Protein backbone atom coordinates (compact mmCIF):
# COMPACT_ATOMS: atom_id res chain seq x y z
CA MET A 1 1.08 3.04 -1.36
CA LYS A 2 -1.64 1.27 0.17
CA LYS A 3 -4.48 0.00 -1.33
CA ALA A 4 -7.83 1.96 0.96
CA GLY A 5 -10.40 1.80 -2.36
CA SER A 6 -12.36 5.26 -2.33
CA ALA A 7 -11.84 6.35 1.37
CA PRO A 8 -8.47 8.01 0.41
CA LEU A 9 -9.95 9.97 -2.28
CA VAL A 10 -13.27 11.02 0.35
CA ALA A 11 -10.79 12.21 2.64
CA LEU A 12 -8.76 14.33 0.24
CA VAL A 13 -12.36 16.34 -0.66
CA ALA A 14 -13.32 16.01 3.03
CA MET A 15 -9.71 17.83 3.75
CA ILE A 16 -10.53 20.58 0.75
CA ALA A 17 -13.96 20.99 1.75
CA ILE A 18 -12.56 21.60 5.20
CA TRP A 19 -9.50 23.91 4.72
CA GLY A 20 -11.51 25.82 1.99
CA TYR A 21 -14.15 26.96 4.14
CA SER A 22 -12.11 28.06 7.12
CA TRP A 23 -11.17 31.11 5.35
CA PRO A 24 -14.54 32.73 5.61
CA LEU A 25 -15.09 31.58 9.19
CA MET A 26 -11.69 32.70 9.58
CA LYS A 27 -12.79 36.33 9.13
CA ILE A 28 -15.87 36.10 11.39
CA GLY A 29 -13.72 34.56 13.94
CA LEU A 30 -11.76 37.53 13.65
CA ARG A 31 -14.55 40.07 13.76
CA HIS A 32 -14.99 38.97 17.62
CA ALA A 33 -11.20 38.42 18.40
CA HIS A 34 -7.38 39.84 18.23
CA PRO A 35 -5.90 37.92 15.64
CA PHE A 36 -3.16 36.65 18.48
CA ASP A 37 -6.27 35.59 20.66
CA PHE A 38 -7.90 33.59 17.74
CA ALA A 39 -4.37 31.96 16.77
CA ALA A 40 -3.82 31.03 20.22
CA LEU A 41 -6.73 29.29 20.61
CA ARG A 42 -7.50 28.19 17.33
CA VAL A 43 -4.26 25.73 18.08
CA GLY A 44 -4.66 25.05 21.24
CA ILE A 45 -8.20 23.31 21.21
CA GLY A 46 -6.38 21.68 17.56
CA ALA A 47 -3.66 20.42 19.26
CA LEU A 48 -5.66 18.67 22.03
CA VAL A 49 -7.58 17.78 19.20
CA LEU A 50 -4.85 15.62 17.82
CA PHE A 51 -3.47 14.43 20.64
CA ALA A 52 -6.89 12.94 21.51
CA VAL A 53 -7.00 11.14 18.13
CA VAL A 54 -3.65 9.95 19.25
CA ILE A 55 -4.13 8.36 21.92
CA ALA A 56 -7.78 6.54 20.93
CA ARG A 57 -5.34 4.85 18.08
CA GLY A 58 -3.32 4.12 21.25
CA ARG A 59 -0.04 5.53 19.66
CA GLY A 60 2.77 6.77 22.35
CA LEU A 61 2.68 10.60 22.98
CA TRP A 62 6.44 11.55 23.10
CA LEU A 63 9.24 11.84 20.09
CA SER A 64 12.53 10.17 20.72
CA SER A 65 13.95 14.22 19.21
CA TYR A 66 11.63 17.31 19.76
CA ARG A 67 14.38 19.89 17.78
CA MET A 68 12.61 19.85 14.45
CA ALA A 69 9.03 19.75 15.83
CA PHE A 70 9.87 23.21 17.60
CA VAL A 71 11.46 24.71 14.43
CA VAL A 72 8.48 23.52 12.48
CA GLY A 73 6.51 24.50 14.86
CA SER A 74 7.98 28.21 15.31
CA LEU A 75 7.84 28.55 11.31
CA GLN A 76 4.54 26.31 9.98
CA VAL A 77 2.48 26.79 12.93
CA ALA A 78 3.05 30.41 14.65
CA LEU A 79 4.98 32.46 12.59
CA PHE A 80 2.55 31.10 9.19
CA VAL A 81 -0.80 31.58 11.43
CA ALA A 82 0.25 34.75 12.98
CA LEU A 83 0.84 36.39 9.36
CA THR A 84 -2.16 34.67 7.79
CA GLN A 85 -4.32 35.91 10.34
CA PHE A 86 -3.36 39.07 10.46
CA ALA A 87 -3.45 39.03 6.41
CA LEU A 88 -7.32 37.86 6.60
CA PHE A 89 -7.33 40.91 9.44
CA TYR A 90 -6.52 43.48 7.30
CA GLY A 91 -7.78 42.26 3.68
CA ASP A 92 -10.16 40.27 1.67
CA THR A 93 -10.44 36.52 2.22
CA GLY A 94 -10.75 35.60 -0.95
CA ARG A 95 -6.97 37.07 -2.13
CA THR A 96 -5.30 36.12 1.10
CA SER A 97 -6.39 32.53 0.65
CA VAL A 98 -5.26 32.65 -3.06
CA LEU A 99 -2.27 34.39 -2.34
CA VAL A 100 -1.20 32.28 0.72
CA PHE A 101 -1.29 29.16 -1.42
CA THR A 102 1.40 30.40 -3.29
CA MET A 103 2.92 28.12 -0.71
CA PRO A 104 3.90 25.52 -3.84
CA PHE A 105 5.77 28.54 -5.60
CA TRP A 106 8.29 29.71 -3.04
CA MET A 107 8.64 26.32 -2.18
CA ILE A 108 10.33 25.45 -5.54
CA VAL A 109 12.60 28.42 -5.52
CA PHE A 110 13.57 27.65 -2.14
CA ALA A 111 13.89 24.07 -3.09
CA HIS A 112 16.77 25.14 -5.68
CA TYR A 113 18.61 27.12 -3.27
CA LEU A 114 18.50 25.02 -0.39
CA LEU A 115 18.45 21.61 -1.46
CA GLY A 116 19.81 21.77 -5.27
CA GLU A 117 16.60 21.27 -6.81
CA ARG A 118 16.45 21.65 -10.12
CA MET A 119 13.66 24.00 -11.53
CA ARG A 120 12.30 22.13 -14.73
CA GLY A 121 10.63 24.04 -17.79
CA THR A 122 7.28 23.36 -16.47
CA GLN A 123 7.77 24.59 -13.48
CA TRP A 124 9.47 28.01 -14.73
CA VAL A 125 6.11 28.58 -16.44
CA ALA A 126 4.17 28.04 -13.31
CA VAL A 127 6.58 30.34 -11.88
CA ALA A 128 6.11 32.75 -13.95
CA LEU A 129 2.65 32.63 -14.67
CA ALA A 130 2.03 32.57 -10.56
CA PHE A 131 4.33 35.93 -10.72
CA ALA A 132 1.91 37.37 -12.96
CA GLY A 133 -0.93 36.94 -10.99
CA LEU A 134 0.06 37.59 -8.02
CA VAL A 135 1.33 41.04 -9.91
CA LEU A 136 -2.36 41.50 -10.95
CA ILE A 137 -3.42 40.53 -7.53
CA VAL A 138 -1.19 43.02 -5.25
CA ALA A 139 -1.69 45.93 -7.95
CA PRO A 140 1.65 48.01 -5.86
CA TRP A 141 0.83 50.33 -8.43
CA LYS A 142 -2.54 51.14 -6.44
CA LEU A 143 -0.84 50.77 -3.26
CA THR A 144 -4.19 49.27 -1.75
CA SER A 145 -4.36 46.65 1.00
CA LEU A 146 -0.45 46.39 0.21
CA GLU A 147 -0.12 45.51 3.70
CA ALA A 148 -2.63 42.49 3.62
CA SER A 149 -1.17 40.77 0.71
CA LEU A 150 2.42 41.30 1.61
CA LEU A 151 1.47 39.48 4.69
CA ALA A 152 -0.50 36.91 3.05
CA ILE A 153 2.69 36.40 0.23
CA ALA A 154 5.33 36.22 3.78
CA GLY A 155 2.82 32.97 5.03
CA GLY A 156 2.75 31.15 1.88
CA ALA A 157 6.82 31.69 1.96
CA VAL A 158 7.28 31.18 5.78
CA TRP A 159 5.18 28.06 5.71
CA ALA A 160 7.25 27.06 1.92
CA LEU A 161 10.48 27.28 4.15
CA ALA A 162 9.36 25.29 6.69
CA ALA A 163 8.23 22.46 4.22
CA VAL A 164 11.99 22.89 2.75
CA PHE A 165 13.88 22.09 6.20
CA SER A 166 11.49 19.43 7.13
CA LYS A 167 12.76 18.12 3.86
CA LYS A 168 16.54 18.67 4.61
CA TRP A 169 16.46 17.79 8.02
CA PRO A 170 13.57 15.00 7.85
CA THR A 171 13.36 13.50 11.29
CA ARG A 172 13.12 9.66 10.67
CA GLY A 173 11.06 6.86 13.06
CA ALA A 174 8.55 9.58 14.35
CA ASP A 175 5.02 8.77 14.32
CA THR A 176 3.55 11.53 11.77
CA LEU A 177 0.21 12.47 13.59
CA VAL A 178 2.27 12.88 17.08
CA PHE A 179 4.87 14.59 15.27
CA THR A 180 2.23 17.03 13.88
CA ALA A 181 0.94 17.26 17.23
CA TRP A 182 3.84 18.21 18.70
CA GLN A 183 3.94 21.45 16.04
CA LEU A 184 1.32 22.28 17.01
CA VAL A 185 1.94 22.72 21.15
CA PHE A 186 5.25 24.69 19.96
CA GLY A 187 2.92 26.84 17.37
CA PHE A 188 0.48 27.39 20.41
CA ALA A 189 3.49 28.37 23.54
CA TRP A 190 4.47 31.30 20.88
CA LEU A 191 0.83 32.23 19.94
CA LEU A 192 0.12 32.46 23.70
CA ALA A 193 2.88 34.14 24.67
CA LEU A 194 2.27 36.82 21.82
CA ALA A 195 -1.40 37.22 22.71
CA LEU A 196 0.05 37.96 26.20
CA VAL A 197 2.25 40.68 25.30
CA SER A 198 0.47 42.46 22.88
CA ARG A 199 -2.08 43.89 25.02
CA PRO A 200 -3.47 45.43 26.39
CA HIS A 201 -6.30 45.25 23.40
CA ALA A 202 -10.06 43.95 23.27
CA PRO A 203 -11.02 40.86 25.06
CA VAL A 204 -12.81 37.97 23.46
CA ASP A 205 -15.82 38.61 22.40
CA TRP A 206 -17.72 35.12 22.98
CA ALA A 207 -20.78 35.75 20.45
CA PRO A 208 -22.66 32.29 19.30
CA GLU A 209 -21.10 33.04 15.64
CA PHE A 210 -17.49 33.10 16.84
CA ILE A 211 -18.06 30.66 19.08
CA VAL A 212 -19.16 28.41 15.55
CA ALA A 213 -16.73 29.96 13.81
CA LEU A 214 -13.92 28.70 16.28
CA THR A 215 -14.63 25.46 16.75
CA PHE A 216 -15.27 24.61 13.15
CA CYS A 217 -11.48 26.30 12.57
CA ALA A 218 -9.80 24.49 15.87
CA VAL A 219 -11.56 21.05 15.26
CA LEU A 220 -12.31 20.24 12.25
CA ALA A 221 -9.56 22.63 10.07
CA THR A 222 -7.16 22.10 12.70
CA GLY A 223 -7.30 19.45 14.25
CA LEU A 224 -9.16 16.62 11.67
CA GLY A 225 -8.17 18.49 8.91
CA TRP A 226 -4.25 17.85 9.91
CA TRP A 227 -5.57 13.97 10.74
CA LEU A 228 -7.07 13.78 6.59
CA TRP A 229 -3.93 15.59 5.81
CA THR A 230 -1.69 13.26 7.10
CA TYR A 231 -3.86 9.91 6.39
CA VAL A 232 -4.65 11.12 2.43
CA LEU A 233 -0.65 11.56 2.21
CA SER A 234 0.36 7.80 3.18
CA HIS A 235 -2.48 6.81 0.83
CA THR A 236 -2.25 8.69 -2.19
CA SER A 237 0.48 9.73 -4.71
CA ALA A 238 1.90 13.06 -4.04
CA GLY A 239 0.40 14.50 -7.43
CA LEU A 240 -2.84 13.90 -5.92
CA ALA A 241 -2.73 15.43 -2.44
CA GLY A 242 -0.99 18.51 -4.09
CA LEU A 243 -4.34 19.16 -6.09
CA ASN A 244 -5.63 20.79 -2.52
CA SER A 245 -3.28 23.80 -3.93
CA LEU A 246 -6.03 23.96 -6.30
CA GLY A 247 -9.15 23.16 -4.52
CA ILE A 248 -9.48 25.12 -1.47
CA PRO A 249 -8.67 28.52 -2.77
CA VAL A 250 -11.18 27.84 -5.28
CA ILE A 251 -13.44 27.12 -2.60
CA ALA A 252 -12.08 29.79 -0.60
CA VAL A 253 -13.14 32.65 -2.97
CA ALA A 254 -16.81 30.94 -3.71
CA ALA A 255 -17.05 30.43 0.12
CA SER A 256 -16.23 34.13 0.50
CA ALA A 257 -18.58 36.05 -2.22
CA ILE A 258 -21.22 34.18 -0.99
CA GLN A 259 -21.09 34.15 2.90
CA LEU A 260 -19.46 37.72 2.96
CA GLY A 261 -20.41 39.47 -0.17
CA GLU A 262 -16.95 39.87 -1.36
CA ARG A 263 -16.83 40.24 -4.64
CA PRO A 264 -12.89 40.75 -6.02
CA PRO A 265 -12.48 43.36 -8.98
CA ALA A 266 -11.86 41.80 -11.94
CA LEU A 267 -7.73 42.58 -11.88
CA GLU A 268 -8.21 40.34 -9.05
CA LEU A 269 -9.69 37.86 -11.05
CA ALA A 270 -7.25 37.68 -13.52
CA GLY A 271 -4.33 37.49 -11.33
CA MET A 272 -6.64 34.11 -9.27
CA SER A 273 -6.78 33.12 -12.64
CA LEU A 274 -3.41 33.23 -13.17
CA ILE A 275 -2.38 31.54 -9.98
CA ALA A 276 -5.60 28.43 -10.58
CA ALA A 277 -3.59 28.01 -13.49
CA ALA A 278 -0.27 27.23 -12.21
CA LEU A 279 -1.07 25.38 -9.69
CA GLY A 280 -2.87 23.10 -11.89
CA LEU A 281 0.09 22.83 -14.16
CA LEU A 282 2.32 21.89 -11.38
CA ALA A 283 -0.34 19.41 -10.43
CA LEU A 284 -0.63 17.88 -13.43
CA ALA A 285 3.08 17.76 -13.97
CA GLY A 286 3.41 15.90 -10.94
CA LEU A 287 0.63 13.21 -11.70
CA ARG A 288 2.23 12.90 -15.03
CA ARG A 289 5.55 12.26 -13.37
CA GLU A 290 3.99 9.73 -11.40
CA ALA A 291 2.43 7.58 -13.93
CA ARG A 292 5.37 7.52 -16.03
CA PHE A 293 7.58 5.84 -12.78
CA ALA A 294 4.37 4.13 -11.92
């Protein structure tokens, strides 16, 4: 691991803040654009930003193989973004962000079956807590906002599946930033096609608040956010980087309450707290394992 002083921690905090605050801004953006239009614009601009960063750093723009970039871009970018944008379109920001960030628990389950990784005691407890939290948030006995909740959970599951595929079939020797930029390109192609075939729908309303929301989500959340994530992963432990799973939905819930006036009912808050506790348990367990092997 590289020694870089406090810079990785600053990058981690910045990434958590950017990705957390992007959730209410995505909700604002969806007031003025169809989910497919907003997703395509956001990912397309984000790809341009990443390629600009690659060029500025003097890196090559090409990959030796594009197979995994296509697979991960189709799942982690196109399908994941489409699912989360529709979940936001139909549901509340705080609930959606928390349900999407059940991704670490889905990853544990998929890794168990697809990679043969055994689930440890702490992971079983975390998954059980997260499942209990899901039940309280989704509240299937009420059947309200069930569509949005299922879309958000599916988004987290797709993200986890893409991550497990990346681990099962790693791309060796590829620059991470270039690989991520090409993921966005392939994801953009799918999202653009979906935006075109889903017409007719209302055109984009280029209101000032939409431009602000799109700029933040495309340039900062999609472009800079992925660059920060790449930097954090290369300069910190996996356990410390994994703490983002806890911080991002916390900021998303708080920001949506302040900016959008969303007030989750008590049952939802209890479910969110259980999921937050489960994420924290996983992060602390990861840090302890790293400390033992340091």
